[in-house]
């Protein structure tokens, strides 16, 4: 019973990317994307993963061009944790003006590297390929970088999960609901979806590519 009730945090951190190949993190269950949580939640902050090639995706929290437009820094978040992964994109890899606006959705692949000494990051991603870009219009994107009130978020409910406060609440609720499932096998095929009104969760079981409510 103790084994079934314990959340598989350590197992997820130590799972392999490919069968028979020892790697220190796991891919997302239904794609080859690596969750940012599995990189940054390690005791070393991800520094031990330097030299690994990974594919990550998420939304740009902040972005800025540097070196007279030769490269850009992105703070990328996929909702799996509060922390952002610093991503570096060269102008030769992708049009920087398209990917730096806050709210842009990107799916990128690259090499994890140790940042220069004196920086707060423990690891960063040097992008080698950009697989997808979901651009936004900076003039119309409704989530500014400033601190937002809950009253403000009521008018843009579909964007609330991208904010720090609501994303934390969603992860806590998901973890609590996940812990209520009786066995490890049922947990491995379940997701928890919450409506915008935060009504009781709908458990979605995924079995053999079929979705059953």
N, C-alpha and C. Protein backbone atom coordinates (compact mmCIF):
# COMPACT_ATOMS: atom_id res chain seq x y z
N UNK A 1 0.82 -1.22 0.00
CA UNK A 1 0.00 0.00 0.00
C UNK A 1 0.85 1.26 0.00
N UNK A 2 1.95 1.23 0.77
CA UNK A 2 2.82 2.40 0.82
C UNK A 2 3.41 2.69 -0.54
N UNK A 3 3.75 1.60 -1.26
CA UNK A 3 4.34 1.80 -2.58
C UNK A 3 3.34 2.43 -3.54
N UNK A 4 2.07 1.99 -3.46
CA UNK A 4 1.06 2.52 -4.35
C UNK A 4 0.73 3.97 -4.05
N UNK A 5 0.82 4.37 -2.77
CA UNK A 5 0.40 5.71 -2.39
C UNK A 5 1.49 6.74 -2.59
N UNK A 6 2.72 6.35 -2.73
CA UNK A 6 3.82 7.30 -2.86
C UNK A 6 3.85 7.89 -4.26
N UNK A 7 3.91 9.22 -4.40
CA UNK A 7 3.98 9.82 -5.73
C UNK A 7 5.31 9.45 -6.40
N UNK A 8 5.30 9.16 -7.71
CA UNK A 8 6.49 8.64 -8.38
C UNK A 8 7.45 9.73 -8.81
N UNK A 9 7.77 10.66 -7.92
CA UNK A 9 8.65 11.76 -8.29
C UNK A 9 10.05 11.25 -8.61
N UNK A 10 10.61 10.41 -7.73
CA UNK A 10 11.96 9.93 -7.96
C UNK A 10 12.02 9.04 -9.20
N UNK A 11 10.98 8.21 -9.39
CA UNK A 11 10.98 7.35 -10.55
C UNK A 11 10.94 8.17 -11.84
N UNK A 12 10.18 9.24 -11.84
CA UNK A 12 10.10 10.09 -13.03
C UNK A 12 11.44 10.74 -13.32
N UNK A 13 12.13 11.16 -12.28
CA UNK A 13 13.41 11.83 -12.48
C UNK A 13 14.47 10.88 -12.98
N UNK A 14 14.34 9.59 -12.66
CA UNK A 14 15.36 8.63 -13.04
C UNK A 14 14.97 7.79 -14.26
N UNK A 15 13.77 8.00 -14.78
CA UNK A 15 13.32 7.20 -15.91
C UNK A 15 14.14 7.50 -17.15
N UNK A 16 14.15 6.57 -18.09
CA UNK A 16 14.99 6.72 -19.28
C UNK A 16 14.19 7.27 -20.44
N UNK A 17 14.87 7.98 -21.33
CA UNK A 17 14.25 8.50 -22.53
C UNK A 17 13.95 7.38 -23.51
N UNK A 18 14.83 6.44 -23.63
CA UNK A 18 14.67 5.35 -24.58
C UNK A 18 14.99 4.04 -23.89
N UNK A 19 14.29 2.97 -24.29
CA UNK A 19 14.52 1.66 -23.72
C UNK A 19 15.97 1.25 -23.95
N UNK A 20 16.62 0.84 -22.88
CA UNK A 20 17.98 0.34 -23.00
C UNK A 20 19.03 1.43 -22.98
N UNK A 21 18.63 2.69 -22.95
CA UNK A 21 19.58 3.79 -22.91
C UNK A 21 19.41 4.51 -21.59
N UNK A 22 20.48 4.57 -20.81
CA UNK A 22 20.39 5.18 -19.49
C UNK A 22 20.48 6.69 -19.60
N UNK A 23 19.39 7.39 -19.28
CA UNK A 23 19.36 8.83 -19.27
C UNK A 23 18.63 9.28 -18.02
N UNK A 24 18.92 10.49 -17.51
CA UNK A 24 18.42 10.88 -16.21
C UNK A 24 17.07 11.58 -16.21
N UNK A 25 16.30 11.53 -17.30
CA UNK A 25 14.99 12.15 -17.28
C UNK A 25 14.08 11.43 -18.26
N UNK A 26 12.78 11.71 -18.14
CA UNK A 26 11.78 11.01 -18.94
C UNK A 26 11.12 11.95 -19.93
N UNK A 27 10.66 11.36 -21.03
CA UNK A 27 9.87 12.11 -21.98
C UNK A 27 8.43 12.21 -21.49
N UNK A 28 7.70 13.14 -22.06
CA UNK A 28 6.26 13.20 -21.81
C UNK A 28 5.64 11.91 -22.34
N UNK A 29 4.53 11.50 -21.71
CA UNK A 29 3.97 10.17 -22.00
C UNK A 29 3.56 10.00 -23.44
N UNK A 30 3.03 11.04 -24.07
CA UNK A 30 2.50 10.90 -25.42
C UNK A 30 3.28 11.72 -26.45
N UNK A 31 4.51 12.08 -26.16
CA UNK A 31 5.35 12.78 -27.13
C UNK A 31 6.80 12.59 -26.72
N UNK A 32 7.71 13.08 -27.57
CA UNK A 32 9.12 13.00 -27.23
C UNK A 32 9.63 14.28 -26.57
N UNK A 33 8.68 15.10 -26.08
CA UNK A 33 9.06 16.33 -25.39
C UNK A 33 9.41 16.03 -23.94
N UNK A 34 10.45 16.66 -23.44
CA UNK A 34 10.87 16.50 -22.06
C UNK A 34 10.25 17.61 -21.22
N UNK A 35 9.61 17.25 -20.13
CA UNK A 35 9.03 18.25 -19.24
C UNK A 35 10.13 19.06 -18.57
N UNK A 36 9.94 20.35 -18.51
CA UNK A 36 10.94 21.22 -17.89
C UNK A 36 11.13 20.86 -16.43
N UNK A 37 10.08 20.38 -15.78
CA UNK A 37 10.19 19.97 -14.38
C UNK A 37 11.26 18.90 -14.19
N UNK A 38 11.35 17.94 -15.10
CA UNK A 38 12.30 16.85 -14.94
C UNK A 38 13.74 17.32 -15.09
N UNK A 39 13.93 18.50 -15.66
CA UNK A 39 15.27 19.07 -15.79
C UNK A 39 15.62 19.91 -14.57
N UNK A 40 14.73 20.83 -14.22
CA UNK A 40 15.05 21.84 -13.20
C UNK A 40 14.79 21.39 -11.78
N UNK A 41 14.00 20.31 -11.57
CA UNK A 41 13.69 19.88 -10.21
C UNK A 41 14.76 18.98 -9.61
N UNK A 42 15.80 18.67 -10.35
CA UNK A 42 16.88 17.86 -9.81
C UNK A 42 17.63 18.61 -8.71
N UNK A 43 18.31 17.87 -7.87
CA UNK A 43 19.05 18.48 -6.77
C UNK A 43 20.13 19.43 -7.27
N UNK A 44 20.69 19.14 -8.46
CA UNK A 44 21.74 20.00 -9.01
C UNK A 44 21.18 21.06 -9.93
N UNK A 45 19.85 21.21 -9.97
CA UNK A 45 19.24 22.23 -10.81
C UNK A 45 19.34 21.95 -12.29
N UNK A 46 19.72 20.73 -12.66
CA UNK A 46 19.85 20.35 -14.05
C UNK A 46 21.27 20.39 -14.57
N UNK A 47 22.21 20.83 -13.74
CA UNK A 47 23.59 20.96 -14.19
C UNK A 47 24.18 19.61 -14.61
N UNK A 48 23.75 18.53 -13.97
CA UNK A 48 24.27 17.22 -14.30
C UNK A 48 23.80 16.70 -15.65
N UNK A 49 22.87 17.41 -16.28
CA UNK A 49 22.36 17.00 -17.59
C UNK A 49 23.08 17.67 -18.74
N UNK A 50 24.07 18.50 -18.44
CA UNK A 50 24.82 19.19 -19.49
C UNK A 50 25.38 18.18 -20.48
N UNK A 51 25.20 18.49 -21.76
CA UNK A 51 25.65 17.59 -22.82
C UNK A 51 24.54 16.73 -23.40
N UNK A 52 23.34 16.74 -22.74
CA UNK A 52 22.20 15.97 -23.24
C UNK A 52 21.42 16.79 -24.26
N UNK A 53 20.96 16.12 -25.31
CA UNK A 53 20.09 16.75 -26.30
C UNK A 53 18.65 16.46 -25.95
N UNK A 54 17.82 17.50 -25.85
CA UNK A 54 16.42 17.33 -25.45
C UNK A 54 15.54 18.20 -26.33
N UNK A 55 14.26 17.84 -26.35
CA UNK A 55 13.24 18.65 -27.01
C UNK A 55 12.27 19.13 -25.92
N UNK A 56 12.05 20.43 -25.87
CA UNK A 56 11.14 21.01 -24.89
C UNK A 56 10.16 21.92 -25.61
N UNK A 57 9.05 22.20 -24.95
CA UNK A 57 8.05 23.09 -25.52
C UNK A 57 7.36 23.86 -24.42
N UNK A 58 6.77 24.97 -24.77
CA UNK A 58 6.07 25.78 -23.79
C UNK A 58 5.82 27.18 -24.31
N UNK A 59 5.54 28.08 -23.35
CA UNK A 59 5.25 29.46 -23.68
C UNK A 59 6.39 30.35 -23.21
N UNK A 60 6.68 31.36 -24.00
CA UNK A 60 7.72 32.32 -23.66
C UNK A 60 7.18 33.26 -22.59
N UNK A 61 7.79 33.22 -21.39
CA UNK A 61 7.40 34.15 -20.33
C UNK A 61 8.04 35.52 -20.56
N UNK A 62 9.31 35.52 -20.94
CA UNK A 62 10.01 36.74 -21.33
C UNK A 62 11.00 36.40 -22.43
N UNK A 63 11.27 37.35 -23.26
CA UNK A 63 12.25 37.15 -24.34
C UNK A 63 12.93 38.46 -24.69
N UNK A 64 14.19 38.38 -25.05
CA UNK A 64 14.91 39.60 -25.44
C UNK A 64 16.03 39.25 -26.42
N UNK A 65 16.21 40.12 -27.38
CA UNK A 65 17.31 39.95 -28.34
C UNK A 65 18.58 40.55 -27.77
N UNK A 66 19.70 39.93 -28.08
CA UNK A 66 21.00 40.39 -27.61
C UNK A 66 22.00 40.35 -28.78
N UNK A 67 23.19 40.92 -28.53
CA UNK A 67 24.24 40.87 -29.54
C UNK A 67 23.84 41.50 -30.85
N UNK A 68 23.15 42.66 -30.78
CA UNK A 68 22.69 43.36 -31.98
C UNK A 68 21.83 42.47 -32.88
N UNK A 69 21.00 41.67 -32.23
CA UNK A 69 20.07 40.84 -32.98
C UNK A 69 20.65 39.53 -33.46
N UNK A 70 21.83 39.15 -32.93
CA UNK A 70 22.45 37.89 -33.38
C UNK A 70 21.90 36.67 -32.65
N UNK A 71 21.34 36.88 -31.45
CA UNK A 71 20.74 35.77 -30.71
C UNK A 71 19.73 36.34 -29.73
N UNK A 72 18.97 35.43 -29.10
CA UNK A 72 17.93 35.86 -28.16
C UNK A 72 17.90 34.93 -26.96
N UNK A 73 17.57 35.50 -25.81
CA UNK A 73 17.31 34.74 -24.59
C UNK A 73 15.80 34.60 -24.41
N UNK A 74 15.35 33.39 -24.12
CA UNK A 74 13.96 33.14 -23.82
C UNK A 74 13.85 32.49 -22.45
N UNK A 75 12.83 32.87 -21.69
CA UNK A 75 12.46 32.17 -20.46
C UNK A 75 11.25 31.33 -20.80
N UNK A 76 11.43 30.01 -20.85
CA UNK A 76 10.38 29.11 -21.34
C UNK A 76 9.75 28.35 -20.18
N UNK A 77 8.41 28.27 -20.20
CA UNK A 77 7.67 27.55 -19.17
C UNK A 77 6.61 26.68 -19.82
N UNK A 78 6.52 25.41 -19.39
CA UNK A 78 5.52 24.50 -19.96
C UNK A 78 4.41 24.15 -18.99
N UNK A 79 4.38 24.79 -17.82
CA UNK A 79 3.33 24.54 -16.85
C UNK A 79 3.60 23.39 -15.91
N UNK A 80 4.67 22.64 -16.13
CA UNK A 80 4.95 21.49 -15.27
C UNK A 80 5.57 21.90 -13.94
N UNK A 81 6.09 23.12 -13.85
CA UNK A 81 6.67 23.62 -12.61
C UNK A 81 6.67 25.14 -12.66
N UNK A 82 7.03 25.76 -11.56
CA UNK A 82 7.03 27.21 -11.49
C UNK A 82 8.23 27.82 -12.19
N UNK A 83 9.35 27.11 -12.20
CA UNK A 83 10.59 27.66 -12.73
C UNK A 83 10.58 27.68 -14.26
N UNK A 84 11.36 28.59 -14.82
CA UNK A 84 11.51 28.71 -16.26
C UNK A 84 12.87 28.18 -16.69
N UNK A 85 12.92 27.64 -17.89
CA UNK A 85 14.18 27.19 -18.47
C UNK A 85 14.70 28.27 -19.41
N UNK A 86 15.95 28.67 -19.21
CA UNK A 86 16.54 29.67 -20.11
C UNK A 86 16.95 29.00 -21.41
N UNK A 87 16.50 29.59 -22.50
CA UNK A 87 16.73 29.05 -23.83
C UNK A 87 17.44 30.11 -24.67
N UNK A 88 18.47 29.69 -25.39
CA UNK A 88 19.23 30.61 -26.25
C UNK A 88 19.02 30.20 -27.70
N UNK A 89 18.57 31.15 -28.52
CA UNK A 89 18.29 30.88 -29.93
C UNK A 89 19.12 31.83 -30.79
N UNK A 90 19.89 31.28 -31.70
CA UNK A 90 20.66 32.10 -32.64
C UNK A 90 19.77 32.57 -33.78
N UNK A 91 20.11 33.72 -34.35
CA UNK A 91 19.31 34.27 -35.45
C UNK A 91 19.34 33.35 -36.67
N UNK A 92 20.40 32.54 -36.81
CA UNK A 92 20.48 31.63 -37.94
C UNK A 92 19.53 30.45 -37.80
N UNK A 93 19.03 30.20 -36.59
CA UNK A 93 18.13 29.06 -36.35
C UNK A 93 16.68 29.43 -36.60
N UNK A 94 16.28 30.64 -36.20
CA UNK A 94 14.88 31.06 -36.34
C UNK A 94 14.81 32.59 -36.33
N UNK A 95 13.78 33.16 -36.97
CA UNK A 95 13.59 34.62 -36.91
C UNK A 95 13.32 35.06 -35.48
N UNK A 96 14.21 35.85 -34.93
CA UNK A 96 14.10 36.20 -33.51
C UNK A 96 12.87 37.06 -33.21
N UNK A 97 12.52 37.93 -34.12
CA UNK A 97 11.38 38.79 -33.89
C UNK A 97 10.08 38.03 -33.74
N UNK A 98 10.05 36.80 -34.24
CA UNK A 98 8.83 36.00 -34.17
C UNK A 98 8.71 35.23 -32.87
N UNK A 99 9.84 34.95 -32.21
CA UNK A 99 9.80 34.07 -31.04
C UNK A 99 10.01 34.78 -29.70
N UNK A 100 10.45 36.01 -29.70
CA UNK A 100 10.73 36.68 -28.42
C UNK A 100 9.51 37.28 -27.73
N UNK A 101 8.39 37.57 -28.42
CA UNK A 101 7.27 38.18 -27.71
C UNK A 101 6.72 37.26 -26.61
N UNK A 102 6.34 37.86 -25.49
CA UNK A 102 5.74 37.10 -24.39
C UNK A 102 4.44 36.44 -24.86
N UNK A 103 4.30 35.15 -24.53
CA UNK A 103 3.12 34.41 -24.93
C UNK A 103 3.31 33.54 -26.14
N UNK A 104 4.43 33.69 -26.83
CA UNK A 104 4.70 32.85 -28.00
C UNK A 104 4.84 31.39 -27.58
N UNK A 105 4.26 30.50 -28.34
CA UNK A 105 4.37 29.06 -28.09
C UNK A 105 5.47 28.49 -28.99
N UNK A 106 6.41 27.76 -28.40
CA UNK A 106 7.50 27.20 -29.19
C UNK A 106 7.76 25.76 -28.80
N UNK A 107 8.25 25.01 -29.74
CA UNK A 107 8.72 23.65 -29.52
C UNK A 107 10.11 23.58 -30.13
N UNK A 108 11.12 23.39 -29.28
CA UNK A 108 12.51 23.49 -29.74
C UNK A 108 13.31 22.28 -29.29
N UNK A 109 14.41 22.07 -29.97
CA UNK A 109 15.32 20.98 -29.64
C UNK A 109 16.73 21.54 -29.59
N UNK A 110 17.50 21.09 -28.61
CA UNK A 110 18.85 21.60 -28.50
C UNK A 110 19.66 20.89 -27.44
N UNK A 111 20.80 21.49 -27.13
CA UNK A 111 21.78 20.90 -26.22
C UNK A 111 21.77 21.64 -24.89
N UNK A 112 21.64 20.89 -23.81
CA UNK A 112 21.74 21.48 -22.48
C UNK A 112 23.20 21.79 -22.18
N UNK A 113 23.45 23.00 -21.69
CA UNK A 113 24.82 23.44 -21.42
C UNK A 113 24.88 24.16 -20.09
N UNK A 114 26.07 24.17 -19.50
CA UNK A 114 26.28 24.95 -18.28
C UNK A 114 26.43 26.41 -18.65
N UNK A 115 25.73 27.31 -17.96
CA UNK A 115 25.85 28.74 -18.26
C UNK A 115 27.17 29.29 -17.72
N UNK A 116 27.53 30.51 -18.12
CA UNK A 116 28.74 31.13 -17.57
C UNK A 116 28.65 31.29 -16.06
N UNK A 117 29.78 31.27 -15.40
CA UNK A 117 29.80 31.44 -13.95
C UNK A 117 29.27 32.82 -13.56
N UNK A 118 28.58 32.85 -12.43
CA UNK A 118 28.04 34.10 -11.94
C UNK A 118 26.59 34.34 -12.32
N UNK A 119 26.02 33.46 -13.13
CA UNK A 119 24.60 33.58 -13.48
C UNK A 119 23.77 32.74 -12.54
N UNK A 120 22.49 33.09 -12.42
CA UNK A 120 21.61 32.37 -11.48
C UNK A 120 21.17 31.03 -12.02
N UNK A 121 21.20 30.85 -13.35
CA UNK A 121 20.78 29.58 -13.92
C UNK A 121 21.82 28.50 -13.67
N UNK A 122 21.35 27.28 -13.47
CA UNK A 122 22.24 26.14 -13.30
C UNK A 122 22.47 25.41 -14.61
N UNK A 123 21.54 25.59 -15.55
CA UNK A 123 21.65 24.96 -16.86
C UNK A 123 20.83 25.79 -17.85
N UNK A 124 21.21 25.75 -19.11
CA UNK A 124 20.48 26.45 -20.15
C UNK A 124 20.45 25.60 -21.41
N UNK A 125 19.53 25.92 -22.31
CA UNK A 125 19.37 25.14 -23.53
C UNK A 125 19.81 25.97 -24.72
N UNK A 126 20.78 25.46 -25.47
CA UNK A 126 21.21 26.09 -26.72
C UNK A 126 20.45 25.43 -27.86
N UNK A 127 19.56 26.17 -28.48
CA UNK A 127 18.65 25.61 -29.48
C UNK A 127 19.38 25.32 -30.78
N UNK A 128 19.12 24.12 -31.30
CA UNK A 128 19.67 23.72 -32.59
C UNK A 128 18.59 23.63 -33.66
N UNK A 129 17.35 23.34 -33.25
CA UNK A 129 16.22 23.25 -34.19
C UNK A 129 14.99 23.86 -33.54
N UNK A 130 14.21 24.57 -34.32
CA UNK A 130 12.92 25.07 -33.88
C UNK A 130 11.86 24.30 -34.67
N UNK A 131 11.09 23.46 -33.98
CA UNK A 131 10.13 22.60 -34.66
C UNK A 131 8.78 23.29 -34.86
N UNK A 132 8.45 24.20 -33.98
CA UNK A 132 7.14 24.85 -34.11
C UNK A 132 7.17 26.21 -33.41
N UNK A 133 6.48 27.17 -34.00
CA UNK A 133 6.31 28.49 -33.39
C UNK A 133 4.84 28.87 -33.51
N UNK A 134 4.22 29.17 -32.38
CA UNK A 134 2.86 29.72 -32.38
C UNK A 134 2.96 31.20 -32.04
N UNK A 135 3.01 32.06 -33.03
CA UNK A 135 3.26 33.50 -32.76
C UNK A 135 2.08 34.19 -32.12
N UNK A 136 2.35 35.31 -31.49
CA UNK A 136 1.31 36.15 -30.90
C UNK A 136 1.55 37.59 -31.35
N UNK A 137 0.50 38.36 -31.27
CA UNK A 137 0.59 39.80 -31.53
C UNK A 137 0.86 40.48 -30.19
N UNK A 138 2.06 41.02 -29.98
CA UNK A 138 2.38 41.64 -28.68
C UNK A 138 1.41 42.73 -28.28
N UNK A 139 0.83 43.40 -29.25
CA UNK A 139 -0.09 44.50 -28.93
C UNK A 139 -1.43 43.99 -28.41
N UNK A 140 -1.75 42.72 -28.69
CA UNK A 140 -3.04 42.17 -28.30
C UNK A 140 -2.94 41.12 -27.20
N UNK A 141 -1.74 40.63 -26.91
CA UNK A 141 -1.60 39.60 -25.88
C UNK A 141 -2.00 40.19 -24.52
N UNK A 142 -2.95 39.57 -23.82
CA UNK A 142 -3.56 40.23 -22.65
C UNK A 142 -2.82 40.07 -21.34
N UNK A 143 -1.74 39.30 -21.30
CA UNK A 143 -1.03 39.09 -20.03
C UNK A 143 0.27 39.88 -20.02
N UNK A 144 0.28 41.03 -19.38
CA UNK A 144 1.52 41.80 -19.28
C UNK A 144 2.48 41.15 -18.29
N UNK A 145 3.71 41.64 -18.26
CA UNK A 145 4.72 41.09 -17.35
C UNK A 145 4.54 41.57 -15.92
N UNK A 146 3.67 42.55 -15.72
CA UNK A 146 3.45 43.10 -14.38
C UNK A 146 2.61 42.14 -13.54
N UNK A 147 2.57 42.40 -12.23
CA UNK A 147 1.77 41.59 -11.32
C UNK A 147 0.28 41.77 -11.63
N UNK A 148 -0.44 40.65 -11.70
CA UNK A 148 -1.85 40.69 -12.08
C UNK A 148 -2.75 40.36 -10.89
N UNK A 149 -3.90 41.00 -10.83
CA UNK A 149 -4.87 40.71 -9.78
C UNK A 149 -5.82 39.61 -10.25
N UNK A 150 -6.43 38.91 -9.29
CA UNK A 150 -7.40 37.87 -9.64
C UNK A 150 -8.62 38.48 -10.32
N UNK A 151 -8.96 39.71 -9.97
CA UNK A 151 -10.09 40.37 -10.60
C UNK A 151 -9.81 40.58 -12.09
N UNK A 152 -8.58 40.94 -12.41
CA UNK A 152 -8.21 41.13 -13.81
C UNK A 152 -8.32 39.83 -14.59
N UNK A 153 -7.93 38.72 -13.96
CA UNK A 153 -7.92 37.43 -14.64
C UNK A 153 -9.32 36.91 -14.92
N UNK A 154 -10.32 37.42 -14.24
CA UNK A 154 -11.69 36.97 -14.48
C UNK A 154 -12.15 37.29 -15.90
N UNK A 155 -11.56 38.29 -16.51
CA UNK A 155 -11.96 38.69 -17.85
C UNK A 155 -11.22 37.91 -18.94
N UNK A 156 -10.20 37.14 -18.56
CA UNK A 156 -9.44 36.36 -19.55
C UNK A 156 -9.22 34.95 -18.98
N UNK A 157 -10.32 34.27 -18.72
CA UNK A 157 -10.25 32.99 -18.01
C UNK A 157 -9.44 31.94 -18.79
N UNK A 158 -9.44 32.00 -20.11
CA UNK A 158 -8.73 30.99 -20.89
C UNK A 158 -7.21 31.17 -20.83
N UNK A 159 -6.74 32.31 -20.33
CA UNK A 159 -5.31 32.53 -20.17
C UNK A 159 -4.82 32.33 -18.74
N UNK A 160 -5.75 32.10 -17.82
CA UNK A 160 -5.36 32.02 -16.41
C UNK A 160 -4.34 30.94 -16.10
N UNK A 161 -4.40 29.75 -16.73
CA UNK A 161 -3.40 28.72 -16.41
C UNK A 161 -1.96 29.12 -16.74
N UNK A 162 -1.78 30.16 -17.53
CA UNK A 162 -0.42 30.60 -17.84
C UNK A 162 0.17 31.49 -16.75
N UNK A 163 -0.64 31.92 -15.81
CA UNK A 163 -0.15 32.78 -14.74
C UNK A 163 0.41 31.93 -13.60
N UNK A 164 1.29 32.51 -12.82
CA UNK A 164 1.93 31.77 -11.73
C UNK A 164 0.91 31.28 -10.69
N UNK A 165 0.01 32.15 -10.28
CA UNK A 165 -0.93 31.80 -9.22
C UNK A 165 -1.84 30.64 -9.62
N UNK A 166 -2.49 30.77 -10.77
CA UNK A 166 -3.45 29.75 -11.19
C UNK A 166 -2.74 28.45 -11.57
N UNK A 167 -1.56 28.53 -12.14
CA UNK A 167 -0.84 27.30 -12.49
C UNK A 167 -0.44 26.52 -11.24
N UNK A 168 -0.07 27.23 -10.17
CA UNK A 168 0.26 26.55 -8.91
C UNK A 168 -0.99 25.86 -8.35
N UNK A 169 -2.12 26.55 -8.34
CA UNK A 169 -3.36 25.96 -7.85
C UNK A 169 -3.72 24.72 -8.66
N UNK A 170 -3.57 24.79 -9.97
CA UNK A 170 -3.91 23.65 -10.83
C UNK A 170 -3.01 22.46 -10.55
N UNK A 171 -1.72 22.70 -10.34
CA UNK A 171 -0.80 21.58 -10.06
C UNK A 171 -1.09 20.95 -8.70
N UNK A 172 -1.44 21.77 -7.71
CA UNK A 172 -1.77 21.23 -6.39
C UNK A 172 -3.03 20.39 -6.47
N UNK A 173 -4.06 20.90 -7.13
CA UNK A 173 -5.31 20.15 -7.26
C UNK A 173 -5.09 18.85 -8.01
N UNK A 174 -4.28 18.90 -9.07
CA UNK A 174 -4.00 17.69 -9.83
C UNK A 174 -3.28 16.67 -8.97
N UNK A 175 -2.30 17.10 -8.17
CA UNK A 175 -1.55 16.18 -7.32
C UNK A 175 -2.45 15.55 -6.26
N UNK A 176 -3.35 16.35 -5.68
CA UNK A 176 -4.25 15.82 -4.66
C UNK A 176 -5.22 14.80 -5.26
N UNK A 177 -5.78 15.13 -6.42
CA UNK A 177 -6.70 14.20 -7.07
C UNK A 177 -5.97 12.93 -7.52
N UNK A 178 -4.75 13.10 -8.00
CA UNK A 178 -3.92 11.96 -8.43
C UNK A 178 -3.66 11.01 -7.26
N UNK A 179 -3.43 11.57 -6.08
CA UNK A 179 -3.13 10.75 -4.91
C UNK A 179 -4.33 9.94 -4.45
N UNK A 180 -5.54 10.34 -4.85
CA UNK A 180 -6.74 9.61 -4.43
C UNK A 180 -6.99 8.36 -5.25
N UNK A 181 -6.32 8.22 -6.40
CA UNK A 181 -6.51 7.02 -7.20
C UNK A 181 -5.95 5.82 -6.45
N UNK A 182 -6.64 4.68 -6.51
CA UNK A 182 -6.29 3.55 -5.62
C UNK A 182 -5.00 2.83 -5.96
N UNK A 183 -4.64 2.74 -7.25
CA UNK A 183 -3.48 1.94 -7.62
C UNK A 183 -2.58 2.71 -8.57
N UNK A 184 -1.34 2.25 -8.67
CA UNK A 184 -0.39 2.88 -9.56
C UNK A 184 -0.81 2.72 -11.02
N UNK A 185 -1.42 1.59 -11.38
CA UNK A 185 -1.82 1.36 -12.76
C UNK A 185 -2.90 2.35 -13.20
N UNK A 186 -3.84 2.64 -12.31
CA UNK A 186 -4.88 3.60 -12.67
C UNK A 186 -4.32 5.01 -12.75
N UNK A 187 -3.30 5.31 -11.96
CA UNK A 187 -2.69 6.64 -12.02
C UNK A 187 -1.98 6.86 -13.34
N UNK A 188 -1.37 5.80 -13.88
CA UNK A 188 -0.57 5.95 -15.09
C UNK A 188 -1.40 6.29 -16.31
N UNK A 189 -2.73 6.10 -16.25
CA UNK A 189 -3.58 6.36 -17.40
C UNK A 189 -4.63 7.42 -17.11
N UNK A 190 -4.36 8.30 -16.17
CA UNK A 190 -5.38 9.29 -15.80
C UNK A 190 -4.81 10.70 -15.85
N UNK A 191 -5.67 11.61 -16.28
CA UNK A 191 -5.38 13.03 -16.22
C UNK A 191 -6.56 13.70 -15.52
N UNK A 192 -6.33 14.90 -15.04
CA UNK A 192 -7.38 15.63 -14.36
C UNK A 192 -7.57 16.97 -15.04
N UNK A 193 -8.80 17.21 -15.48
CA UNK A 193 -9.12 18.43 -16.21
C UNK A 193 -10.12 19.22 -15.39
N UNK A 194 -9.88 20.53 -15.26
CA UNK A 194 -10.76 21.39 -14.49
C UNK A 194 -11.38 22.43 -15.42
N UNK A 195 -12.67 22.64 -15.27
CA UNK A 195 -13.32 23.65 -16.07
C UNK A 195 -12.91 25.03 -15.61
N UNK A 196 -13.21 26.02 -16.41
CA UNK A 196 -12.80 27.38 -16.07
C UNK A 196 -13.48 27.88 -14.80
N UNK A 197 -14.60 27.28 -14.43
CA UNK A 197 -15.28 27.68 -13.20
C UNK A 197 -14.76 26.91 -11.98
N UNK A 198 -13.72 26.09 -12.17
CA UNK A 198 -13.12 25.31 -11.10
C UNK A 198 -14.14 24.41 -10.42
N UNK A 199 -15.01 23.79 -11.22
CA UNK A 199 -15.95 22.81 -10.71
C UNK A 199 -15.21 21.49 -10.49
N UNK A 200 -15.86 20.47 -9.90
CA UNK A 200 -15.15 19.22 -9.60
C UNK A 200 -14.45 18.66 -10.82
N UNK A 201 -13.32 18.00 -10.62
CA UNK A 201 -12.51 17.53 -11.75
C UNK A 201 -13.19 16.42 -12.53
N UNK A 202 -12.88 16.40 -13.80
CA UNK A 202 -13.31 15.32 -14.67
C UNK A 202 -12.09 14.43 -14.89
N UNK A 203 -12.21 13.15 -14.53
CA UNK A 203 -11.10 12.23 -14.71
C UNK A 203 -11.15 11.66 -16.12
N UNK A 204 -10.07 11.85 -16.84
CA UNK A 204 -9.98 11.35 -18.21
C UNK A 204 -8.99 10.21 -18.23
N UNK A 205 -9.45 9.03 -18.57
CA UNK A 205 -8.58 7.87 -18.64
C UNK A 205 -8.18 7.65 -20.09
N UNK A 206 -6.91 7.45 -20.30
CA UNK A 206 -6.38 7.28 -21.64
C UNK A 206 -5.96 5.84 -21.81
N UNK A 207 -6.67 5.10 -22.62
CA UNK A 207 -6.38 3.69 -22.82
C UNK A 207 -6.28 3.41 -24.31
N UNK A 208 -5.12 2.98 -24.74
CA UNK A 208 -4.88 2.59 -26.13
C UNK A 208 -5.33 3.68 -27.10
N UNK A 209 -4.91 4.90 -26.81
CA UNK A 209 -5.20 6.07 -27.65
C UNK A 209 -6.68 6.44 -27.70
N UNK A 210 -7.49 5.85 -26.82
CA UNK A 210 -8.91 6.18 -26.75
C UNK A 210 -9.16 7.00 -25.49
N UNK A 211 -9.96 8.03 -25.60
CA UNK A 211 -10.27 8.88 -24.46
C UNK A 211 -11.67 8.54 -23.99
N UNK A 212 -11.79 8.21 -22.70
CA UNK A 212 -13.07 7.84 -22.14
C UNK A 212 -13.36 8.72 -20.93
N UNK A 213 -14.47 9.42 -20.93
CA UNK A 213 -14.85 10.24 -19.77
C UNK A 213 -15.51 9.37 -18.72
